[in-house]
Amino acid sequence: MSNGPGSDPRWRPLAAARPAMTPEWWRWVASRDSLTARLVAAGGHRAFRVRLLDQRLGRPRRDEALALGLPLGRLAWLREVALCLDERPWVMARSVVPLDGLHGQRLDRLGERSLGSWLFRQPDLARGPLEVAADPAFFPAASGPWARRSVFRHRRFAVLVQECFLDTMTDDLGLPSR
């Protein structure tokens, strides 16, 4: 994904980021299970909420299209959410789904439910390699120490999921800034 022509140099393989990452962040960034479940568990008594920011048909960025093997300029389903605890955003997430892979999936009906709540119920779900960025550009207004992304596949369905861990999460959990 990150080594192809035209890819975004900010994204690098997970293993390449390990030397720059504290053990606390490694446990969050390298986890391959449901981030939603991890956030709920870490939040304790805090109320978890998915805040839908944007959902529409649109053109993915170049690096997103390349990560999915999607021809440049092709439309995709784009979804942006904030994963919040007690209304404080801890993670910003952006998902990109090629239209030809939807096959009747009505993801536009997720509303304020997490995509992970659907994805991790699929018995044949396969998650591709994780990539990491220390300078996430997919949410220009978001500030956080790390972002990660990977492609999930379920039969012929594919989705690129990008997650930016925010400074509010760092502050609330007392994590090191890197």
C-alpha atoms as a PDB file:
ATOM      1  CA  MET A   1       0.000   0.000   0.000  1.00  0.00           C
ATOM      2  CA  SER A   2       2.511   2.662   1.014  1.00  0.00           C
ATOM      3  CA  ASN A   3       5.263   1.611  -1.365  1.00  0.00           C
ATOM      4  CA  GLY A   4       3.338   1.955  -4.616  1.00  0.00           C
ATOM      5  CA  PRO A   5       3.834   4.768  -7.112  1.00  0.00           C
ATOM      6  CA  GLY A   6       2.100   7.978  -6.081  1.00  0.00           C
ATOM      7  CA  SER A   7       1.459   6.792  -2.545  1.00  0.00           C
ATOM      8  CA  ASP A   8       1.497   9.261   0.322  1.00  0.00           C
ATOM      9  CA  PRO A   9       4.910   9.167   2.083  1.00  0.00           C
ATOM     10  CA  ARG A  10       3.279   9.989   5.430  1.00  0.00           C
ATOM     11  CA  TRP A  11       1.902   6.439   5.609  1.00  0.00           C
ATOM     12  CA  ARG A  12       4.452   3.779   6.442  1.00  0.00           C
ATOM     13  CA  PRO A  13       4.263   0.136   7.521  1.00  0.00           C
ATOM     14  CA  LEU A  14       3.423  -0.388  11.185  1.00  0.00           C
ATOM     15  CA  ALA A  15       6.779  -2.027  11.961  1.00  0.00           C
ATOM     16  CA  ALA A  16       8.642   1.038  10.671  1.00  0.00           C
ATOM     17  CA  ALA A  17       6.856   3.247  13.221  1.00  0.00           C
ATOM     18  CA  ARG A  18       7.579   1.042  16.233  1.00  0.00           C
ATOM     19  CA  PRO A  19      10.897   2.679  17.218  1.00  0.00           C
ATOM     20  CA  ALA A  20       9.211   6.097  17.421  1.00  0.00           C
ATOM     21  CA  MET A  21       6.187   4.868  19.398  1.00  0.00           C
ATOM     22  CA  THR A  22       5.856   4.412  23.161  1.00  0.00           C
ATOM     23  CA  PRO A  23       4.608   1.011  24.410  1.00  0.00           C
ATOM     24  CA  GLU A  24       1.324   2.648  25.482  1.00  0.00           C
ATOM     25  CA  TRP A  25       0.679   3.937  21.962  1.00  0.00           C
ATOM     26  CA  TRP A  26       1.851   0.688  20.392  1.00  0.00           C
ATOM     27  CA  ARG A  27      -0.959  -1.162  22.226  1.00  0.00           C
ATOM     28  CA  TRP A  28      -3.506   1.202  20.687  1.00  0.00           C
ATOM     29  CA  VAL A  29      -2.086   1.648  17.192  1.00  0.00           C
ATOM     30  CA  ALA A  30      -1.007  -1.959  16.571  1.00  0.00           C
ATOM     31  CA  SER A  31      -4.219  -3.585  17.810  1.00  0.00           C
ATOM     32  CA  ARG A  32      -6.129  -5.490  15.137  1.00  0.00           C
ATOM     33  CA  ASP A  33      -9.373  -5.927  17.066  1.00  0.00           C
ATOM     34  CA  SER A  34     -12.304  -3.516  17.201  1.00  0.00           C
ATOM     35  CA  LEU A  35     -11.225   0.025  18.069  1.00  0.00           C
ATOM     36  CA  THR A  36     -14.812   0.780  19.121  1.00  0.00           C
ATOM     37  CA  ALA A  37     -14.692  -2.020  21.717  1.00  0.00           C
ATOM     38  CA  ARG A  38     -11.311  -0.811  22.965  1.00  0.00           C
ATOM     39  CA  LEU A  39     -12.569   2.776  23.323  1.00  0.00           C
ATOM     40  CA  VAL A  40     -15.679   1.646  25.227  1.00  0.00           C
ATOM     41  CA  ALA A  41     -13.517  -0.422  27.601  1.00  0.00           C
ATOM     42  CA  ALA A  42     -10.974   2.386  28.114  1.00  0.00           C
ATOM     43  CA  GLY A  43     -13.722   4.928  28.661  1.00  0.00           C
ATOM     44  CA  GLY A  44     -15.050   3.127  31.728  1.00  0.00           C
ATOM     45  CA  HIS A  45     -18.120   5.033  32.911  1.00  0.00           C
ATOM     46  CA  ARG A  46     -17.957   7.537  30.033  1.00  0.00           C
ATOM     47  CA  ALA A  47     -20.742   7.380  27.440  1.00  0.00           C
ATOM     48  CA  PHE A  48     -19.530   6.275  23.986  1.00  0.00           C
ATOM     49  CA  ARG A  49     -21.008   7.918  20.889  1.00  0.00           C
ATOM     50  CA  VAL A  50     -20.348   7.968  17.165  1.00  0.00           C
ATOM     51  CA  ARG A  51     -20.882  11.484  15.819  1.00  0.00           C
ATOM     52  CA  LEU A  52     -21.538  11.432  12.074  1.00  0.00           C
ATOM     53  CA  LEU A  53     -19.662  14.325  10.453  1.00  0.00           C
ATOM     54  CA  ASP A  54     -20.075  13.592   6.752  1.00  0.00           C
ATOM     55  CA  GLN A  55     -21.394  10.814   4.547  1.00  0.00           C
ATOM     56  CA  ARG A  56     -21.605  11.103   0.777  1.00  0.00           C
ATOM     57  CA  LEU A  57     -20.502   9.982  -2.625  1.00  0.00           C
ATOM     58  CA  GLY A  58     -17.218  11.577  -3.534  1.00  0.00           C
ATOM     59  CA  ARG A  59     -13.796  11.098  -5.013  1.00  0.00           C
ATOM     60  CA  PRO A  60     -11.214   9.568  -2.691  1.00  0.00           C
ATOM     61  CA  ARG A  61      -7.823  11.205  -2.334  1.00  0.00           C
ATOM     62  CA  ARG A  62      -5.086   9.757  -4.517  1.00  0.00           C
ATOM     63  CA  ASP A  63      -3.473   7.753  -1.695  1.00  0.00           C
ATOM     64  CA  GLU A  64      -6.874   6.333  -0.700  1.00  0.00           C
ATOM     65  CA  ALA A  65      -7.671   5.219  -4.239  1.00  0.00           C
ATOM     66  CA  LEU A  66      -4.241   3.600  -4.552  1.00  0.00           C
ATOM     67  CA  ALA A  67      -4.652   1.792  -1.220  1.00  0.00           C
ATOM     68  CA  LEU A  68      -7.907   0.283  -2.511  1.00  0.00           C
ATOM     69  CA  GLY A  69      -6.701  -0.374  -6.056  1.00  0.00           C
ATOM     70  CA  LEU A  70      -9.412   1.995  -7.270  1.00  0.00           C
ATOM     71  CA  PRO A  71      -8.913   3.909 -10.535  1.00  0.00           C
ATOM     72  CA  LEU A  72      -8.200   7.597  -9.859  1.00  0.00           C
ATOM     73  CA  GLY A  73     -11.264   9.809 -10.155  1.00  0.00           C
ATOM     74  CA  ARG A  74     -13.725   6.962  -9.518  1.00  0.00           C
ATOM     75  CA  LEU A  75     -16.533   7.756  -7.084  1.00  0.00           C
ATOM     76  CA  ALA A  76     -16.675   6.027  -3.716  1.00  0.00           C
ATOM     77  CA  TRP A  77     -18.787   6.113  -0.590  1.00  0.00           C
ATOM     78  CA  LEU A  78     -17.035   8.387   1.961  1.00  0.00           C
ATOM     79  CA  ARG A  79     -17.874   8.536   5.646  1.00  0.00           C
ATOM     80  CA  GLU A  80     -16.290  10.640   8.379  1.00  0.00           C
ATOM     81  CA  VAL A  81     -17.090  10.270  12.061  1.00  0.00           C
ATOM     82  CA  ALA A  82     -15.824  11.292  15.463  1.00  0.00           C
ATOM     83  CA  LEU A  83     -15.666   8.556  18.089  1.00  0.00           C
ATOM     84  CA  CYS A  84     -16.498  10.330  21.336  1.00  0.00           C
ATOM     85  CA  LEU A  85     -16.526   9.615  25.041  1.00  0.00           C
ATOM     86  CA  ASP A  86     -18.729  11.957  27.049  1.00  0.00           C
ATOM     87  CA  GLU A  87     -19.069  14.035  23.858  1.00  0.00           C
ATOM     88  CA  ARG A  88     -15.280  14.554  23.694  1.00  0.00           C
ATOM     89  CA  PRO A  89     -13.836  13.278  20.404  1.00  0.00           C
ATOM     90  CA  TRP A  90     -11.065  10.732  20.983  1.00  0.00           C
ATOM     91  CA  VAL A  91     -10.712   9.446  17.417  1.00  0.00           C
ATOM     92  CA  MET A  92     -11.596  10.818  13.990  1.00  0.00           C
ATOM     93  CA  ALA A  93     -12.254   8.142  11.380  1.00  0.00           C
ATOM     94  CA  ARG A  94     -12.610   8.268   7.610  1.00  0.00           C
ATOM     95  CA  SER A  95     -13.852   5.284   5.609  1.00  0.00           C
ATOM     96  CA  VAL A  96     -13.726   4.859   1.832  1.00  0.00           C
ATOM     97  CA  VAL A  97     -15.733   2.152   0.036  1.00  0.00           C
ATOM     98  CA  PRO A  98     -15.589   1.597  -3.740  1.00  0.00           C
ATOM     99  CA  LEU A  99     -19.145   1.687  -5.078  1.00  0.00           C
ATOM    100  CA  ASP A 100     -18.791  -1.502  -7.081  1.00  0.00           C
ATOM    101  CA  GLY A 101     -18.035  -3.385  -3.864  1.00  0.00           C
ATOM    102  CA  LEU A 102     -21.157  -2.393  -1.939  1.00  0.00           C
ATOM    103  CA  HIS A 103     -23.292  -5.247  -3.332  1.00  0.00           C
ATOM    104  CA  GLY A 104     -26.458  -4.191  -1.540  1.00  0.00           C
ATOM    105  CA  GLN A 105     -24.771  -3.138   1.690  1.00  0.00           C
ATOM    106  CA  ARG A 106     -26.675  -0.097   2.961  1.00  0.00           C
ATOM    107  CA  LEU A 107     -23.882   1.513   4.924  1.00  0.00           C
ATOM    108  CA  ASP A 108     -25.595   4.876   4.558  1.00  0.00           C
ATOM    109  CA  ARG A 109     -28.058   3.541   7.132  1.00  0.00           C
ATOM    110  CA  LEU A 110     -25.411   3.171   9.815  1.00  0.00           C
ATOM    111  CA  GLY A 111     -26.146   6.690  11.006  1.00  0.00           C
ATOM    112  CA  GLU A 112     -24.424   7.140  14.335  1.00  0.00           C
ATOM    113  CA  ARG A 113     -23.437   3.495  14.729  1.00  0.00           C
ATOM    114  CA  SER A 114     -19.818   2.527  14.242  1.00  0.00           C
ATOM    115  CA  LEU A 115     -18.750   0.832  11.029  1.00  0.00           C
ATOM    116  CA  GLY A 116     -16.764  -1.540  13.229  1.00  0.00           C
ATOM    117  CA  SER A 117     -20.001  -2.756  14.836  1.00  0.00           C
ATOM    118  CA  TRP A 118     -20.922  -4.164  11.409  1.00  0.00           C
ATOM    119  CA  LEU A 119     -17.439  -5.118  10.172  1.00  0.00           C
ATOM    120  CA  PHE A 120     -16.382  -7.216  13.137  1.00  0.00           C
ATOM    121  CA  ARG A 121     -19.577  -9.304  12.943  1.00  0.00           C
ATOM    122  CA  GLN A 122     -18.585 -10.605   9.488  1.00  0.00           C
ATOM    123  CA  PRO A 123     -17.246 -14.153   9.905  1.00  0.00           C
ATOM    124  CA  ASP A 124     -14.898 -14.017   6.910  1.00  0.00           C
ATOM    125  CA  LEU A 125     -13.512 -10.543   7.564  1.00  0.00           C
ATOM    126  CA  ALA A 126      -9.866 -10.099   6.580  1.00  0.00           C
ATOM    127  CA  ARG A 127      -7.828  -7.086   7.635  1.00  0.00           C
ATOM    128  CA  GLY A 128      -4.878  -6.000   5.546  1.00  0.00           C
ATOM    129  CA  PRO A 129      -1.602  -4.672   6.922  1.00  0.00           C
ATOM    130  CA  LEU A 130      -1.704  -1.627   9.170  1.00  0.00           C
ATOM    131  CA  GLU A 131      -0.027   1.581   8.045  1.00  0.00           C
ATOM    132  CA  VAL A 132       0.817   4.419  10.417  1.00  0.00           C
ATOM    133  CA  ALA A 133       1.244   8.169  10.077  1.00  0.00           C
ATOM    134  CA  ALA A 134       2.580  10.681  12.576  1.00  0.00           C
ATOM    135  CA  ASP A 135       1.164  13.538  10.493  1.00  0.00           C
ATOM    136  CA  PRO A 136      -2.380  12.545   9.522  1.00  0.00           C
ATOM    137  CA  ALA A 137      -3.623  14.689   6.658  1.00  0.00           C
ATOM    138  CA  PHE A 138      -7.078  13.240   6.158  1.00  0.00           C
ATOM    139  CA  PHE A 139      -8.458  15.458   8.965  1.00  0.00           C
ATOM    140  CA  PRO A 140      -6.643  18.794   8.598  1.00  0.00           C
ATOM    141  CA  ALA A 141      -8.343  20.294  11.663  1.00  0.00           C
ATOM    142  CA  ALA A 142      -7.603  17.268  13.873  1.00  0.00           C
ATOM    143  CA  SER A 143      -4.561  17.208  16.084  1.00  0.00           C
ATOM    144  CA  GLY A 144      -3.194  13.965  17.419  1.00  0.00           C
ATOM    145  CA  PRO A 145      -0.030  11.955  17.811  1.00  0.00           C
ATOM    146  CA  TRP A 146      -0.815   8.982  15.542  1.00  0.00           C
ATOM    147  CA  ALA A 147      -3.091   7.753  12.796  1.00  0.00           C
ATOM    148  CA  ARG A 148      -3.476   4.306  11.311  1.00  0.00           C
ATOM    149  CA  ARG A 149      -5.213   2.771   8.347  1.00  0.00           C
ATOM    150  CA  SER A 150      -5.902  -0.601   6.812  1.00  0.00           C
ATOM    151  CA  VAL A 151      -8.141  -2.195   4.216  1.00  0.00           C
ATOM    152  CA  PHE A 152     -10.813  -4.613   5.417  1.00  0.00           C
ATOM    153  CA  ARG A 153     -12.211  -7.187   3.008  1.00  0.00           C
ATOM    154  CA  HIS A 154     -15.420  -9.179   3.317  1.00  0.00           C
ATOM    155  CA  ARG A 155     -16.003 -11.314   0.217  1.00  0.00           C
ATOM    156  CA  ARG A 156     -15.980  -8.752  -2.635  1.00  0.00           C
ATOM    157  CA  PHE A 157     -16.559  -5.813  -0.280  1.00  0.00           C
ATOM    158  CA  ALA A 158     -13.530  -3.649   0.608  1.00  0.00           C
ATOM    159  CA  VAL A 159     -13.252  -0.596   2.828  1.00  0.00           C
ATOM    160  CA  LEU A 160     -10.275   1.577   3.717  1.00  0.00           C
ATOM    161  CA  VAL A 161     -10.581   2.607   7.370  1.00  0.00           C
ATOM    162  CA  GLN A 162      -8.386   5.479   8.598  1.00  0.00           C
ATOM    163  CA  GLU A 163      -8.315   6.464  12.261  1.00  0.00           C
ATOM    164  CA  CYS A 164      -6.647   9.476  13.845  1.00  0.00           C
ATOM    165  CA  PHE A 165      -6.048   9.287  17.606  1.00  0.00           C
ATOM    166  CA  LEU A 166      -6.680  12.779  18.983  1.00  0.00           C
ATOM    167  CA  ASP A 167      -4.979  14.893  21.628  1.00  0.00           C
ATOM    168  CA  THR A 168      -8.164  14.731  23.746  1.00  0.00           C
ATOM    169  CA  MET A 169      -7.702  10.954  24.032  1.00  0.00           C
ATOM    170  CA  THR A 170      -4.050  11.489  24.933  1.00  0.00           C
ATOM    171  CA  ASP A 171      -5.054  13.954  27.655  1.00  0.00           C
ATOM    172  CA  ASP A 172      -8.017  11.955  29.032  1.00  0.00           C
ATOM    173  CA  LEU A 173      -6.041   8.688  29.289  1.00  0.00           C
ATOM    174  CA  GLY A 174      -2.791  10.333  30.402  1.00  0.00           C
ATOM    175  CA  LEU A 175      -0.910   8.850  27.446  1.00  0.00           C
ATOM    176  CA  PRO A 176       2.444  10.247  26.347  1.00  0.00           C
ATOM    177  CA  SER A 177       2.185  12.634  23.414  1.00  0.00           C
ATOM    178  CA  ARG A 178       4.141  10.128  21.234  1.00  0.00           C
END
